[in-house]
Amino acid sequence: MLSSCLVSVLVGVVGAALGGFVYRLATGEQKSFAFDFPSFGVAVLGAILLLAVLRLASGARSGRGREHR
């Protein structure tokens, strides 16, 4: 249970950094470390994007997510 909690925290932190990086590439402006709702939204979207990528990667690796007929 501790390892899954740690993984969740790491995914959130890395996802927030990824969101900030994508935001900077898309707009050319840099977000600050101060808390505001746009920064929070960028961090949440980055974490969601990272979770989707990790889920696709783990599903492809384990063979899950494919329908067998």
C-alpha atoms as a PDB file:
ATOM      1  CA  MET A   1       0.000   0.000   0.000  1.00  0.00           C
ATOM      2  CA  LEU A   2       2.851   2.370   0.760  1.00  0.00           C
ATOM      3  CA  SER A   3       4.408   1.783  -2.648  1.00  0.00           C
ATOM      4  CA  SER A   4       1.147   2.569  -4.463  1.00  0.00           C
ATOM      5  CA  CYS A   5       0.813   5.794  -2.468  1.00  0.00           C
ATOM      6  CA  LEU A   6       4.380   6.748  -3.336  1.00  0.00           C
ATOM      7  CA  VAL A   7       3.763   5.998  -7.013  1.00  0.00           C
ATOM      8  CA  SER A   8       0.644   8.179  -6.959  1.00  0.00           C
ATOM      9  CA  VAL A   9       2.582  11.070  -5.449  1.00  0.00           C
ATOM     10  CA  LEU A  10       5.384  10.672  -8.000  1.00  0.00           C
ATOM     11  CA  VAL A  11       2.906  10.552 -10.887  1.00  0.00           C
ATOM     12  CA  GLY A  12       1.284  13.740  -9.595  1.00  0.00           C
ATOM     13  CA  VAL A  13       4.584  15.596  -9.270  1.00  0.00           C
ATOM     14  CA  VAL A  14       5.969  14.422 -12.609  1.00  0.00           C
ATOM     15  CA  GLY A  15       2.599  15.089 -14.260  1.00  0.00           C
ATOM     16  CA  ALA A  16       2.559  18.637 -12.911  1.00  0.00           C
ATOM     17  CA  ALA A  17       6.046  19.237 -14.287  1.00  0.00           C
ATOM     18  CA  LEU A  18       4.996  17.706 -17.609  1.00  0.00           C
ATOM     19  CA  GLY A  19       1.932  19.955 -17.710  1.00  0.00           C
ATOM     20  CA  GLY A  20       4.075  23.028 -17.099  1.00  0.00           C
ATOM     21  CA  PHE A  21       6.491  21.970 -19.832  1.00  0.00           C
ATOM     22  CA  VAL A  22       3.674  21.404 -22.352  1.00  0.00           C
ATOM     23  CA  TYR A  23       2.086  24.729 -21.366  1.00  0.00           C
ATOM     24  CA  ARG A  24       5.359  26.557 -21.927  1.00  0.00           C
ATOM     25  CA  LEU A  25       5.824  24.880 -25.333  1.00  0.00           C
ATOM     26  CA  ALA A  26       2.258  25.694 -26.389  1.00  0.00           C
ATOM     27  CA  THR A  27       2.076  29.311 -25.220  1.00  0.00           C
ATOM     28  CA  GLY A  28       5.652  30.504 -24.862  1.00  0.00           C
ATOM     29  CA  GLU A  29       4.949  31.912 -21.393  1.00  0.00           C
ATOM     30  CA  GLN A  30       6.134  30.368 -18.180  1.00  0.00           C
ATOM     31  CA  LYS A  31       3.908  29.682 -15.190  1.00  0.00           C
ATOM     32  CA  SER A  32       5.197  30.603 -11.754  1.00  0.00           C
ATOM     33  CA  PHE A  33       5.326  28.386  -8.695  1.00  0.00           C
ATOM     34  CA  ALA A  34       2.701  30.564  -6.990  1.00  0.00           C
ATOM     35  CA  PHE A  35      -0.664  28.863  -6.501  1.00  0.00           C
ATOM     36  CA  ASP A  36      -3.474  30.008  -8.739  1.00  0.00           C
ATOM     37  CA  PHE A  37      -6.273  28.138 -10.465  1.00  0.00           C
ATOM     38  CA  PRO A  38      -4.757  28.192 -13.990  1.00  0.00           C
ATOM     39  CA  SER A  39      -1.530  26.667 -12.610  1.00  0.00           C
ATOM     40  CA  PHE A  40      -3.553  24.056 -10.748  1.00  0.00           C
ATOM     41  CA  GLY A  41      -5.440  23.227 -13.953  1.00  0.00           C
ATOM     42  CA  VAL A  42      -2.197  22.834 -15.903  1.00  0.00           C
ATOM     43  CA  ALA A  43      -0.825  20.531 -13.190  1.00  0.00           C
ATOM     44  CA  VAL A  44      -3.985  18.401 -13.120  1.00  0.00           C
ATOM     45  CA  LEU A  45      -4.070  18.081 -16.912  1.00  0.00           C
ATOM     46  CA  GLY A  46      -0.405  17.095 -16.932  1.00  0.00           C
ATOM     47  CA  ALA A  47      -1.009  14.405 -14.308  1.00  0.00           C
ATOM     48  CA  ILE A  48      -4.023  13.077 -16.238  1.00  0.00           C
ATOM     49  CA  LEU A  49      -1.952  12.972 -19.427  1.00  0.00           C
ATOM     50  CA  LEU A  50       0.835  11.080 -17.666  1.00  0.00           C
ATOM     51  CA  LEU A  51      -1.644   8.619 -16.122  1.00  0.00           C
ATOM     52  CA  ALA A  52      -3.165   7.945 -19.556  1.00  0.00           C
ATOM     53  CA  VAL A  53       0.270   7.315 -21.066  1.00  0.00           C
ATOM     54  CA  LEU A  54       1.260   5.009 -18.194  1.00  0.00           C
ATOM     55  CA  ARG A  55      -2.020   3.104 -18.440  1.00  0.00           C
ATOM     56  CA  LEU A  56      -1.587   2.630 -22.191  1.00  0.00           C
ATOM     57  CA  ALA A  57       2.000   1.484 -21.705  1.00  0.00           C
ATOM     58  CA  SER A  58       1.127  -0.977 -18.945  1.00  0.00           C
ATOM     59  CA  GLY A  59      -1.873  -2.281 -20.890  1.00  0.00           C
ATOM     60  CA  ALA A  60       0.216  -2.855 -23.999  1.00  0.00           C
ATOM     61  CA  ARG A  61       2.961  -4.548 -21.986  1.00  0.00           C
ATOM     62  CA  SER A  62       0.660  -6.933 -20.146  1.00  0.00           C
ATOM     63  CA  GLY A  63      -1.693  -7.578 -23.049  1.00  0.00           C
ATOM     64  CA  ARG A  64      -4.683  -6.096 -21.224  1.00  0.00           C
ATOM     65  CA  GLY A  65      -7.100  -3.795 -22.944  1.00  0.00           C
ATOM     66  CA  ARG A  66      -7.305  -5.908 -26.059  1.00  0.00           C
ATOM     67  CA  GLU A  67     -10.372  -7.852 -26.980  1.00  0.00           C
ATOM     68  CA  HIS A  68      -9.852 -11.472 -27.906  1.00  0.00           C
ATOM     69  CA  ARG A  69     -12.488 -13.088 -30.070  1.00  0.00           C
END
